[in-house]
């Protein structure tokens, strides 16, 4: 029955804003219930009432844990960059989801390892806050991550108290030291945490770009000579919830070393992803080697990556052909079909394309863009590159509805 309920939660539940909010509230109530279980029992016994049956609080918590994990799991699976350390984090969440439906293991954890059980609960709180806030309150991934870490640290307090019992003054002092260390470790490891509301729906490398059609064009073998003379466009379509405005960064790396950071601002709501591109012209004197473009959030979480090789050997050099590639996922299972779709715009409202065209005609914005381009082209010593697209947007491509 637990297995069926877990699978039903994964495939059948509609992952809407209200359910995310209810799960966050449920996690808080379950935490308070677990903390006050012994107090409730003593109160009932003093008044002559039967005490709570053994395990009833764990059963209530299990229901909430199970629903929370299977609610958030598709977001993790859809946004994980599987060629990075994010795969470890997502596999850990998958293991927690399986644990929540294997009753013998779950109740052994609840009965015998209370400190680990509260840590399990704190991780569930971290997940639901991370997933729910971008769509519920339109917070950026950076803001949501900070609040999720804060909630996790707070809900980890009972875990540390059980681990360090009996409590003494020195152990209370140890807790006060451990909590900031826990928060710092979580923030330092944020690159391993998938951005639960953002993912790349398409990416391409090309020598040219059609700004009217907003699509990469042309084909070029990435040899040092071609790259130095033509430059390279990196195109990404980033899916984000409607109403979310987010700054992402194209981080260009050569053989693992950072060369440039080009910021882009995206807006959520387009099902195929908000199309943005960066154009790099000023390459190092010797551009040969393995290159990687990390698409990062402003908070330091990786959304995706593009890889290419620059070489004089035509067999080793990457062909930048402008073909938009879809990210590979789990074979035979389209996880993103389980996630909520952007709501259609209200009837009579201007499309995003019309809004962007109106922005480009605002007096003074085109001049600002020209000035930015002149600076980028002239400032070769600092390896500053063009971030092309919407005037004044610092690298975002104009978007359409």
Foldseek 3Di string as FASTA:
>chain_A
DLVVVLVCLQFPDALDLVVLVVLLVLLVVLLVCVVCQVVQQVVCVVVPHHHDPPCPSVVSVLVSLLNLLSSQLLLLQQQAACVDLLVVVSVVSVVLNVQSSPVVNSVCCVPPQVLVNLLSSLVSSLRSQLQNCCQNVVDESQVSNLVSLVSSLVSSVVSLPVVDPPDDPVSVVVSVVVSVVSSVVSLVCQQNHGNSFKAWFWKAKALAADLVVLAHAHKDFQAPVCCQVRWMKIKTFMAGAAPHKFKKWWFKDFPRHTDDIFIFIFHHQDQSGFMWMFTARQADPHRFGKMKIFIATPSGYTRYMDIFGYHPDSVRGDMRHRDMDGDDGPPPDDSCVSHDHGDDDDPPDDWLLVVLVVQQPDPPQVVQLVVVQVCQVVPSVSSRGQQDDRRPRRRGHRGTD
